[in-house]
Amino acid sequence: MNKEIQPINVGDITIRPDQNVMMAGPCAIESEDQMNVIAHAVVKMGAEIIRGGAFKPRTNPDAFQGLGEEGLRYIFEAGRELGVPVVTEVMNEGQIELIKKAADGHPFIFQVGSRNAQNYDLLSILGKTGIPVLLKRGKGSNIQEMIGAAQYVMSGGSPVLMCERGIVSFNSGDPDKAAGRFTPDHLAVLRFQEEGFITIFDPSHAAGRKDHVVPLALSGVAIGANGLIVEVHHDASNALCDGKQAIDFSQFQQLMTRARAIEQIVKGDI
């Protein structure tokens, strides 16, 4: 028997089981101007929540690690100016208070990346904040492991948005040679929803290349995901993080137009 999915409130935004909410913005916050330009553009085109990482876990320690507190200031300033919530990544316990301080009461979602999907100490602490947590699926985590991880958060009282972003499989690897950077598990969206979770689909990390992001995102809408989280950049060729998978403004507008049309079909409005 399927569990009832409860709506999650983030400021004035209510993420419901009968809709698809759009979260968009850069992978990493690189400057005040970059954050403002992208945030204003995606919100104008219909994004309800802006995303951006101030703390970035990178495979290579010499890669750009984010602007830290400075980046938090930029994304929350943009969120306040535009009147929309923010979603940003937290990597360790010490960053929780930094993010809450930067928010200063502005509504936001803690994002837990795939590397921390089973960091139970961090998940338990986040659960006690009462702030919604976007929990990204671990690269090799199965469904039951992710449900268990979510329970660590929920046991403290915070609601969880489960995020399907693809797993490592024989089809994943270099997106120019393999089927994708990661293999998206569409059935996981349905299984997480059966367990009562608002479920967000991340096409950017699965695709790994911008020309595959829009069609993959639309497949997430078509299967009934409750939202998308997409990487958007105005100058992706010079992006400091994940530029290859960041779509531009024209691609994002195309995505918004097509996603809303598919959403109407899924809901039975057409």
C-alpha atoms as a PDB file:
ATOM      1  CA  MET A   1       0.000   0.000   0.000  1.00  0.00           C
ATOM      2  CA  ASN A   2       1.393   3.380  -1.036  1.00  0.00           C
ATOM      3  CA  LYS A   3       2.046   5.930   1.692  1.00  0.00           C
ATOM      4  CA  GLU A   4       0.486   9.363   1.367  1.00  0.00           C
ATOM      5  CA  ILE A   5       2.890  12.059   0.183  1.00  0.00           C
ATOM      6  CA  GLN A   6       2.765  15.140   2.397  1.00  0.00           C
ATOM      7  CA  PRO A   7       3.376  18.604   0.900  1.00  0.00           C
ATOM      8  CA  ILE A   8       6.530  20.425   2.014  1.00  0.00           C
ATOM      9  CA  ASN A   9       6.437  24.163   2.637  1.00  0.00           C
ATOM     10  CA  VAL A  10       9.477  26.317   1.887  1.00  0.00           C
ATOM     11  CA  GLY A  11       8.535  29.904   2.535  1.00  0.00           C
ATOM     12  CA  ASP A  12       5.661  30.773   0.194  1.00  0.00           C
ATOM     13  CA  ILE A  13       6.346  27.732  -1.983  1.00  0.00           C
ATOM     14  CA  THR A  14       4.460  24.497  -1.323  1.00  0.00           C
ATOM     15  CA  ILE A  15       5.979  21.452  -3.005  1.00  0.00           C
ATOM     16  CA  ARG A  16       3.070  19.098  -3.613  1.00  0.00           C
ATOM     17  CA  PRO A  17       2.679  15.588  -5.006  1.00  0.00           C
ATOM     18  CA  ASP A  18       0.502  16.876  -7.863  1.00  0.00           C
ATOM     19  CA  GLN A  19       2.985  19.325  -9.374  1.00  0.00           C
ATOM     20  CA  ASN A  20       6.514  19.693 -10.718  1.00  0.00           C
ATOM     21  CA  VAL A  21       8.522  22.465  -9.050  1.00  0.00           C
ATOM     22  CA  MET A  22      11.580  23.880 -10.816  1.00  0.00           C
ATOM     23  CA  MET A  23      14.868  24.468  -8.991  1.00  0.00           C
ATOM     24  CA  ALA A  24      17.561  26.075 -11.140  1.00  0.00           C
ATOM     25  CA  GLY A  25      20.850  27.927 -10.961  1.00  0.00           C
ATOM     26  CA  PRO A  26      24.603  27.387 -11.197  1.00  0.00           C
ATOM     27  CA  CYS A  27      26.411  24.350  -9.859  1.00  0.00           C
ATOM     28  CA  ALA A  28      28.800  26.632  -7.978  1.00  0.00           C
ATOM     29  CA  ILE A  29      28.466  30.269  -6.970  1.00  0.00           C
ATOM     30  CA  GLU A  30      31.444  31.975  -8.614  1.00  0.00           C
ATOM     31  CA  SER A  31      30.758  35.684  -8.067  1.00  0.00           C
ATOM     32  CA  GLU A  32      28.020  38.099  -7.050  1.00  0.00           C
ATOM     33  CA  ASP A  33      27.415  39.115 -10.663  1.00  0.00           C
ATOM     34  CA  GLN A  34      27.247  35.506 -11.876  1.00  0.00           C
ATOM     35  CA  MET A  35      24.729  34.542  -9.180  1.00  0.00           C
ATOM     36  CA  ASN A  36      22.554  37.585  -9.825  1.00  0.00           C
ATOM     37  CA  VAL A  37      22.503  37.229 -13.608  1.00  0.00           C
ATOM     38  CA  ILE A  38      21.575  33.545 -13.484  1.00  0.00           C
ATOM     39  CA  ALA A  39      19.081  33.844 -10.615  1.00  0.00           C
ATOM     40  CA  HIS A  40      17.191  36.728 -12.235  1.00  0.00           C
ATOM     41  CA  ALA A  41      17.048  34.904 -15.570  1.00  0.00           C
ATOM     42  CA  VAL A  42      15.789  31.548 -14.288  1.00  0.00           C
ATOM     43  CA  VAL A  43      13.183  33.104 -11.987  1.00  0.00           C
ATOM     44  CA  LYS A  44      11.921  35.286 -14.831  1.00  0.00           C
ATOM     45  CA  MET A  45      11.498  32.113 -16.890  1.00  0.00           C
ATOM     46  CA  GLY A  46       9.554  30.352 -14.139  1.00  0.00           C
ATOM     47  CA  ALA A  47      11.944  28.762 -11.649  1.00  0.00           C
ATOM     48  CA  GLU A  48      10.391  28.744  -8.170  1.00  0.00           C
ATOM     49  CA  ILE A  49      13.594  27.990  -6.225  1.00  0.00           C
ATOM     50  CA  ILE A  50      17.180  29.035  -6.991  1.00  0.00           C
ATOM     51  CA  ARG A  51      20.093  26.678  -6.476  1.00  0.00           C
ATOM     52  CA  GLY A  52      23.810  27.306  -6.059  1.00  0.00           C
ATOM     53  CA  GLY A  53      26.687  25.779  -4.140  1.00  0.00           C
ATOM     54  CA  ALA A  54      28.908  27.796  -1.813  1.00  0.00           C
ATOM     55  CA  PHE A  55      30.682  24.648  -0.590  1.00  0.00           C
ATOM     56  CA  LYS A  56      31.623  22.205  -3.331  1.00  0.00           C
ATOM     57  CA  PRO A  57      32.938  18.662  -2.783  1.00  0.00           C
ATOM     58  CA  ARG A  58      35.310  17.984  -5.675  1.00  0.00           C
ATOM     59  CA  THR A  59      37.108  14.818  -6.713  1.00  0.00           C
ATOM     60  CA  ASN A  60      40.298  16.795  -7.361  1.00  0.00           C
ATOM     61  CA  PRO A  61      41.483  18.824  -4.326  1.00  0.00           C
ATOM     62  CA  ASP A  62      42.930  21.447  -6.673  1.00  0.00           C
ATOM     63  CA  ALA A  63      39.542  22.092  -8.303  1.00  0.00           C
ATOM     64  CA  PHE A  64      37.360  25.063  -7.340  1.00  0.00           C
ATOM     65  CA  GLN A  65      35.889  24.374  -3.912  1.00  0.00           C
ATOM     66  CA  GLY A  66      33.397  27.239  -3.771  1.00  0.00           C
ATOM     67  CA  LEU A  67      33.360  30.704  -2.215  1.00  0.00           C
ATOM     68  CA  GLY A  68      32.165  29.580   1.217  1.00  0.00           C
ATOM     69  CA  GLU A  69      30.479  32.264   3.308  1.00  0.00           C
ATOM     70  CA  GLU A  70      30.905  34.826   0.548  1.00  0.00           C
ATOM     71  CA  GLY A  71      28.953  32.608  -1.825  1.00  0.00           C
ATOM     72  CA  LEU A  72      26.217  32.099   0.744  1.00  0.00           C
ATOM     73  CA  ARG A  73      25.820  35.844   1.008  1.00  0.00           C
ATOM     74  CA  TYR A  74      25.385  36.161  -2.760  1.00  0.00           C
ATOM     75  CA  ILE A  75      22.741  33.456  -3.143  1.00  0.00           C
ATOM     76  CA  PHE A  76      20.666  34.596  -0.178  1.00  0.00           C
ATOM     77  CA  GLU A  77      20.828  38.211  -1.325  1.00  0.00           C
ATOM     78  CA  ALA A  78      19.500  37.055  -4.702  1.00  0.00           C
ATOM     79  CA  GLY A  79      16.820  34.957  -3.036  1.00  0.00           C
ATOM     80  CA  ARG A  80      15.640  37.860  -0.897  1.00  0.00           C
ATOM     81  CA  GLU A  81      15.618  40.285  -3.828  1.00  0.00           C
ATOM     82  CA  LEU A  82      13.612  37.897  -6.008  1.00  0.00           C
ATOM     83  CA  GLY A  83      11.396  36.617  -3.197  1.00  0.00           C
ATOM     84  CA  VAL A  84      12.160  32.930  -3.826  1.00  0.00           C
ATOM     85  CA  PRO A  85      13.601  30.177  -1.612  1.00  0.00           C
ATOM     86  CA  VAL A  86      17.146  28.853  -1.945  1.00  0.00           C
ATOM     87  CA  VAL A  87      18.629  25.349  -2.053  1.00  0.00           C
ATOM     88  CA  THR A  88      22.335  25.027  -1.217  1.00  0.00           C
ATOM     89  CA  GLU A  89      24.656  22.198  -0.248  1.00  0.00           C
ATOM     90  CA  VAL A  90      25.884  21.436   3.253  1.00  0.00           C
ATOM     91  CA  MET A  91      28.902  19.145   3.621  1.00  0.00           C
ATOM     92  CA  ASN A  92      29.552  19.026   7.349  1.00  0.00           C
ATOM     93  CA  GLU A  93      28.112  19.998  10.726  1.00  0.00           C
ATOM     94  CA  GLY A  94      30.126  23.207  10.937  1.00  0.00           C
ATOM     95  CA  GLN A  95      28.468  24.599   7.819  1.00  0.00           C
ATOM     96  CA  ILE A  96      24.935  24.265   9.189  1.00  0.00           C
ATOM     97  CA  GLU A  97      25.105  27.390  11.337  1.00  0.00           C
ATOM     98  CA  LEU A  98      26.954  29.303   8.617  1.00  0.00           C
ATOM     99  CA  ILE A  99      24.098  28.640   6.209  1.00  0.00           C
ATOM    100  CA  LYS A 100      21.416  29.481   8.769  1.00  0.00           C
ATOM    101  CA  LYS A 101      23.234  32.717   9.626  1.00  0.00           C
ATOM    102  CA  ALA A 102      23.479  33.707   5.963  1.00  0.00           C
ATOM    103  CA  ALA A 103      19.805  32.888   5.462  1.00  0.00           C
ATOM    104  CA  ASP A 104      18.809  35.132   8.384  1.00  0.00           C
ATOM    105  CA  GLY A 105      15.251  33.817   8.273  1.00  0.00           C
ATOM    106  CA  HIS A 106      14.973  33.534   4.494  1.00  0.00           C
ATOM    107  CA  PRO A 107      13.439  30.161   3.495  1.00  0.00           C
ATOM    108  CA  PHE A 108      15.843  27.547   2.175  1.00  0.00           C
ATOM    109  CA  ILE A 109      16.522  23.837   1.722  1.00  0.00           C
ATOM    110  CA  PHE A 110      19.657  22.028   2.851  1.00  0.00           C
ATOM    111  CA  GLN A 111      21.068  19.945   0.004  1.00  0.00           C
ATOM    112  CA  VAL A 112      22.973  16.785   0.935  1.00  0.00           C
ATOM    113  CA  GLY A 113      25.118  15.587  -1.952  1.00  0.00           C
ATOM    114  CA  SER A 114      25.649  12.009  -3.067  1.00  0.00           C
ATOM    115  CA  ARG A 115      28.952  11.756  -1.192  1.00  0.00           C
ATOM    116  CA  ASN A 116      27.143  12.385   2.093  1.00  0.00           C
ATOM    117  CA  ALA A 117      24.022  10.354   1.346  1.00  0.00           C
ATOM    118  CA  GLN A 118      24.906   7.883   4.104  1.00  0.00           C
ATOM    119  CA  ASN A 119      26.693  10.241   6.475  1.00  0.00           C
ATOM    120  CA  TYR A 120      24.332   9.344   9.296  1.00  0.00           C
ATOM    121  CA  ASP A 121      25.831  11.750  11.835  1.00  0.00           C
ATOM    122  CA  LEU A 122      25.293  14.700   9.480  1.00  0.00           C
ATOM    123  CA  LEU A 123      21.808  13.503   8.513  1.00  0.00           C
ATOM    124  CA  SER A 124      20.760  13.159  12.156  1.00  0.00           C
ATOM    125  CA  ILE A 125      21.974  16.664  12.989  1.00  0.00           C
ATOM    126  CA  LEU A 126      20.218  18.163   9.967  1.00  0.00           C
ATOM    127  CA  GLY A 127      17.038  16.404  11.045  1.00  0.00           C
ATOM    128  CA  LYS A 128      16.983  18.396  14.262  1.00  0.00           C
ATOM    129  CA  THR A 129      17.012  21.774  12.461  1.00  0.00           C
ATOM    130  CA  GLY A 130      13.423  21.458  11.226  1.00  0.00           C
ATOM    131  CA  ILE A 131      14.591  22.733   7.823  1.00  0.00           C
ATOM    132  CA  PRO A 132      13.749  20.685   4.682  1.00  0.00           C
ATOM    133  CA  VAL A 133      16.556  18.478   3.354  1.00  0.00           C
ATOM    134  CA  LEU A 134      17.071  17.592  -0.314  1.00  0.00           C
ATOM    135  CA  LEU A 135      18.742  14.191  -0.081  1.00  0.00           C
ATOM    136  CA  LYS A 136      20.589  13.209  -3.240  1.00  0.00           C
ATOM    137  CA  ARG A 137      20.925   9.525  -3.962  1.00  0.00           C
ATOM    138  CA  GLY A 138      24.365   8.065  -3.326  1.00  0.00           C
ATOM    139  CA  LYS A 139      26.267   6.938  -6.413  1.00  0.00           C
ATOM    140  CA  GLY A 140      25.895   3.298  -5.386  1.00  0.00           C
ATOM    141  CA  SER A 141      23.031   3.432  -2.880  1.00  0.00           C
ATOM    142  CA  ASN A 142      20.028   1.190  -3.373  1.00  0.00           C
ATOM    143  CA  ILE A 143      16.438   2.123  -2.629  1.00  0.00           C
ATOM    144  CA  GLN A 144      16.333   0.714   0.904  1.00  0.00           C
ATOM    145  CA  GLU A 145      19.610   2.387   1.829  1.00  0.00           C
ATOM    146  CA  MET A 146      18.234   5.741   0.723  1.00  0.00           C
ATOM    147  CA  ILE A 147      14.993   5.215   2.638  1.00  0.00           C
ATOM    148  CA  GLY A 148      17.071   4.419   5.712  1.00  0.00           C
ATOM    149  CA  ALA A 149      19.156   7.556   5.184  1.00  0.00           C
ATOM    150  CA  ALA A 150      15.994   9.640   4.920  1.00  0.00           C
ATOM    151  CA  GLN A 151      14.719   8.162   8.163  1.00  0.00           C
ATOM    152  CA  TYR A 152      17.790   9.507   9.975  1.00  0.00           C
ATOM    153  CA  VAL A 153      16.709  13.000   8.907  1.00  0.00           C
ATOM    154  CA  MET A 154      13.002  12.540   9.567  1.00  0.00           C
ATOM    155  CA  SER A 155      13.583  11.087  13.026  1.00  0.00           C
ATOM    156  CA  GLY A 156      14.650  14.576  14.086  1.00  0.00           C
ATOM    157  CA  GLY A 157      11.622  16.242  12.526  1.00  0.00           C
ATOM    158  CA  SER A 158      12.912  17.695   9.254  1.00  0.00           C
ATOM    159  CA  PRO A 159      11.064  16.787   6.034  1.00  0.00           C
ATOM    160  CA  VAL A 160      12.983  15.090   3.215  1.00  0.00           C
ATOM    161  CA  LEU A 161      12.853  15.641  -0.521  1.00  0.00           C
ATOM    162  CA  MET A 162      14.374  12.565  -2.130  1.00  0.00           C
ATOM    163  CA  CYS A 163      16.504  13.324  -5.189  1.00  0.00           C
ATOM    164  CA  GLU A 164      17.228  10.835  -7.960  1.00  0.00           C
ATOM    165  CA  ARG A 165      20.451  11.910  -9.706  1.00  0.00           C
ATOM    166  CA  GLY A 166      21.688   8.665 -11.213  1.00  0.00           C
ATOM    167  CA  ILE A 167      23.908   5.853 -10.008  1.00  0.00           C
ATOM    168  CA  VAL A 168      27.123   4.250 -11.221  1.00  0.00           C
ATOM    169  CA  SER A 169      26.448   1.372 -13.626  1.00  0.00           C
ATOM    170  CA  PHE A 170      28.038  -0.343 -16.618  1.00  0.00           C
ATOM    171  CA  ASN A 171      26.417   2.395 -18.746  1.00  0.00           C
ATOM    172  CA  SER A 172      27.920   5.346 -16.852  1.00  0.00           C
ATOM    173  CA  GLY A 173      31.226   7.148 -17.256  1.00  0.00           C
ATOM    174  CA  ASP A 174      32.583   9.743 -19.668  1.00  0.00           C
ATOM    175  CA  PRO A 175      29.369  11.265 -21.092  1.00  0.00           C
ATOM    176  CA  ASP A 176      30.992  11.549 -24.535  1.00  0.00           C
ATOM    177  CA  LYS A 177      31.680   7.796 -24.610  1.00  0.00           C
ATOM    178  CA  ALA A 178      29.153   6.197 -22.251  1.00  0.00           C
ATOM    179  CA  ALA A 179      25.367   6.437 -21.993  1.00  0.00           C
ATOM    180  CA  GLY A 180      25.741   9.213 -19.427  1.00  0.00           C
ATOM    181  CA  ARG A 181      27.811  10.462 -16.544  1.00  0.00           C
ATOM    182  CA  PHE A 182      25.516   8.420 -14.272  1.00  0.00           C
ATOM    183  CA  THR A 183      22.571   6.146 -15.009  1.00  0.00           C
ATOM    184  CA  PRO A 184      19.241   7.717 -13.967  1.00  0.00           C
ATOM    185  CA  ASP A 185      16.880   5.299 -12.241  1.00  0.00           C
ATOM    186  CA  HIS A 186      13.401   6.392 -13.257  1.00  0.00           C
ATOM    187  CA  LEU A 187      11.733   3.596 -11.328  1.00  0.00           C
ATOM    188  CA  ALA A 188      13.393   4.958  -8.179  1.00  0.00           C
ATOM    189  CA  VAL A 189      11.205   8.051  -8.562  1.00  0.00           C
ATOM    190  CA  LEU A 190       8.116   5.857  -8.389  1.00  0.00           C
ATOM    191  CA  ARG A 191       9.447   3.756  -5.507  1.00  0.00           C
ATOM    192  CA  PHE A 192      10.373   6.784  -3.412  1.00  0.00           C
ATOM    193  CA  GLN A 193       6.915   8.222  -4.037  1.00  0.00           C
ATOM    194  CA  GLU A 194       5.316   4.932  -2.999  1.00  0.00           C
ATOM    195  CA  GLU A 195       7.178   5.334   0.295  1.00  0.00           C
ATOM    196  CA  GLY A 196       5.659   8.792   0.770  1.00  0.00           C
ATOM    197  CA  PHE A 197       8.536  11.006  -0.397  1.00  0.00           C
ATOM    198  CA  ILE A 198       8.349  14.165  -2.451  1.00  0.00           C
ATOM    199  CA  THR A 199      10.841  13.199  -5.178  1.00  0.00           C
ATOM    200  CA  ILE A 200      13.024  15.541  -7.234  1.00  0.00           C
ATOM    201  CA  PHE A 201      14.760  14.497 -10.473  1.00  0.00           C
ATOM    202  CA  ASP A 202      18.268  15.763 -11.324  1.00  0.00           C
ATOM    203  CA  PRO A 203      19.011  15.404 -15.058  1.00  0.00           C
ATOM    204  CA  SER A 204      22.226  17.439 -14.998  1.00  0.00           C
ATOM    205  CA  HIS A 205      24.422  14.997 -13.077  1.00  0.00           C
ATOM    206  CA  ALA A 206      23.020  11.985 -14.908  1.00  0.00           C
ATOM    207  CA  ALA A 207      23.475  13.481 -18.377  1.00  0.00           C
ATOM    208  CA  GLY A 208      26.891  15.041 -17.878  1.00  0.00           C
ATOM    209  CA  ARG A 209      26.499  17.036 -21.099  1.00  0.00           C
ATOM    210  CA  LYS A 210      24.188  19.926 -21.829  1.00  0.00           C
ATOM    211  CA  ASP A 211      22.611  18.590 -25.028  1.00  0.00           C
ATOM    212  CA  HIS A 212      21.189  15.619 -23.115  1.00  0.00           C
ATOM    213  CA  VAL A 213      19.879  17.563 -20.117  1.00  0.00           C
ATOM    214  CA  VAL A 214      16.583  18.860 -21.549  1.00  0.00           C
ATOM    215  CA  PRO A 215      15.294  15.550 -22.991  1.00  0.00           C
ATOM    216  CA  LEU A 216      16.354  13.707 -19.840  1.00  0.00           C
ATOM    217  CA  ALA A 217      14.669  16.329 -17.653  1.00  0.00           C
ATOM    218  CA  LEU A 218      11.443  15.931 -19.627  1.00  0.00           C
ATOM    219  CA  SER A 219      11.525  12.183 -19.012  1.00  0.00           C
ATOM    220  CA  GLY A 220      11.575  12.947 -15.287  1.00  0.00           C
ATOM    221  CA  VAL A 221       8.525  15.179 -15.646  1.00  0.00           C
ATOM    222  CA  ALA A 222       6.774  12.521 -17.732  1.00  0.00           C
ATOM    223  CA  ILE A 223       7.253   9.821 -15.104  1.00  0.00           C
ATOM    224  CA  GLY A 224       5.699  12.135 -12.521  1.00  0.00           C
ATOM    225  CA  ALA A 225       8.617  13.546 -10.518  1.00  0.00           C
ATOM    226  CA  ASN A 226       7.547  16.297  -8.118  1.00  0.00           C
ATOM    227  CA  GLY A 227      10.318  18.604  -9.255  1.00  0.00           C
ATOM    228  CA  LEU A 228      13.509  19.112 -11.230  1.00  0.00           C
ATOM    229  CA  ILE A 229      16.844  20.515 -10.072  1.00  0.00           C
ATOM    230  CA  VAL A 230      18.831  21.766 -13.057  1.00  0.00           C
ATOM    231  CA  GLU A 231      22.214  23.422 -13.538  1.00  0.00           C
ATOM    232  CA  VAL A 232      22.039  26.631 -15.584  1.00  0.00           C
ATOM    233  CA  HIS A 233      24.905  28.964 -16.519  1.00  0.00           C
ATOM    234  CA  HIS A 234      25.139  32.069 -18.691  1.00  0.00           C
ATOM    235  CA  ASP A 235      28.765  31.334 -19.687  1.00  0.00           C
ATOM    236  CA  ALA A 236      29.157  27.580 -19.301  1.00  0.00           C
ATOM    237  CA  SER A 237      32.399  27.369 -21.301  1.00  0.00           C
ATOM    238  CA  ASN A 238      34.080  29.371 -18.546  1.00  0.00           C
ATOM    239  CA  ALA A 239      32.231  27.835 -15.579  1.00  0.00           C
ATOM    240  CA  LEU A 240      34.427  26.814 -12.652  1.00  0.00           C
ATOM    241  CA  CYS A 241      32.366  23.684 -11.935  1.00  0.00           C
ATOM    242  CA  ASP A 242      30.448  21.228 -14.180  1.00  0.00           C
ATOM    243  CA  GLY A 243      30.274  23.555 -17.161  1.00  0.00           C
ATOM    244  CA  LYS A 244      29.751  20.675 -19.592  1.00  0.00           C
ATOM    245  CA  GLN A 245      26.375  19.829 -18.091  1.00  0.00           C
ATOM    246  CA  ALA A 246      25.073  23.357 -17.505  1.00  0.00           C
ATOM    247  CA  ILE A 247      22.370  24.456 -19.937  1.00  0.00           C
ATOM    248  CA  ASP A 248      22.122  28.044 -21.173  1.00  0.00           C
ATOM    249  CA  PHE A 249      19.162  30.399 -20.873  1.00  0.00           C
ATOM    250  CA  SER A 250      17.606  29.470 -24.214  1.00  0.00           C
ATOM    251  CA  GLN A 251      17.760  25.765 -23.312  1.00  0.00           C
ATOM    252  CA  PHE A 252      16.238  26.493 -19.918  1.00  0.00           C
ATOM    253  CA  GLN A 253      13.377  28.413 -21.514  1.00  0.00           C
ATOM    254  CA  GLN A 254      12.815  25.474 -23.861  1.00  0.00           C
ATOM    255  CA  LEU A 255      12.784  23.139 -20.871  1.00  0.00           C
ATOM    256  CA  MET A 256      10.278  25.259 -18.975  1.00  0.00           C
ATOM    257  CA  THR A 257       7.886  25.453 -21.936  1.00  0.00           C
ATOM    258  CA  ARG A 258       7.995  21.725 -22.652  1.00  0.00           C
ATOM    259  CA  ALA A 259       7.986  20.663 -18.999  1.00  0.00           C
ATOM    260  CA  ARG A 260       4.810  22.612 -18.253  1.00  0.00           C
ATOM    261  CA  ALA A 261       3.105  21.088 -21.288  1.00  0.00           C
ATOM    262  CA  ILE A 262       4.079  17.550 -20.248  1.00  0.00           C
ATOM    263  CA  GLU A 263       3.024  18.267 -16.662  1.00  0.00           C
ATOM    264  CA  GLN A 264      -0.466  19.146 -17.865  1.00  0.00           C
ATOM    265  CA  ILE A 265      -0.669  15.841 -19.741  1.00  0.00           C
ATOM    266  CA  VAL A 266       0.551  13.874 -16.704  1.00  0.00           C
ATOM    267  CA  LYS A 267      -2.042  15.592 -14.517  1.00  0.00           C
ATOM    268  CA  GLY A 268      -4.753  14.822 -17.064  1.00  0.00           C
ATOM    269  CA  ASP A 269      -5.461  18.475 -17.874  1.00  0.00           C
ATOM    270  CA  ILE A 270      -5.070  17.818 -21.604  1.00  0.00           C
END
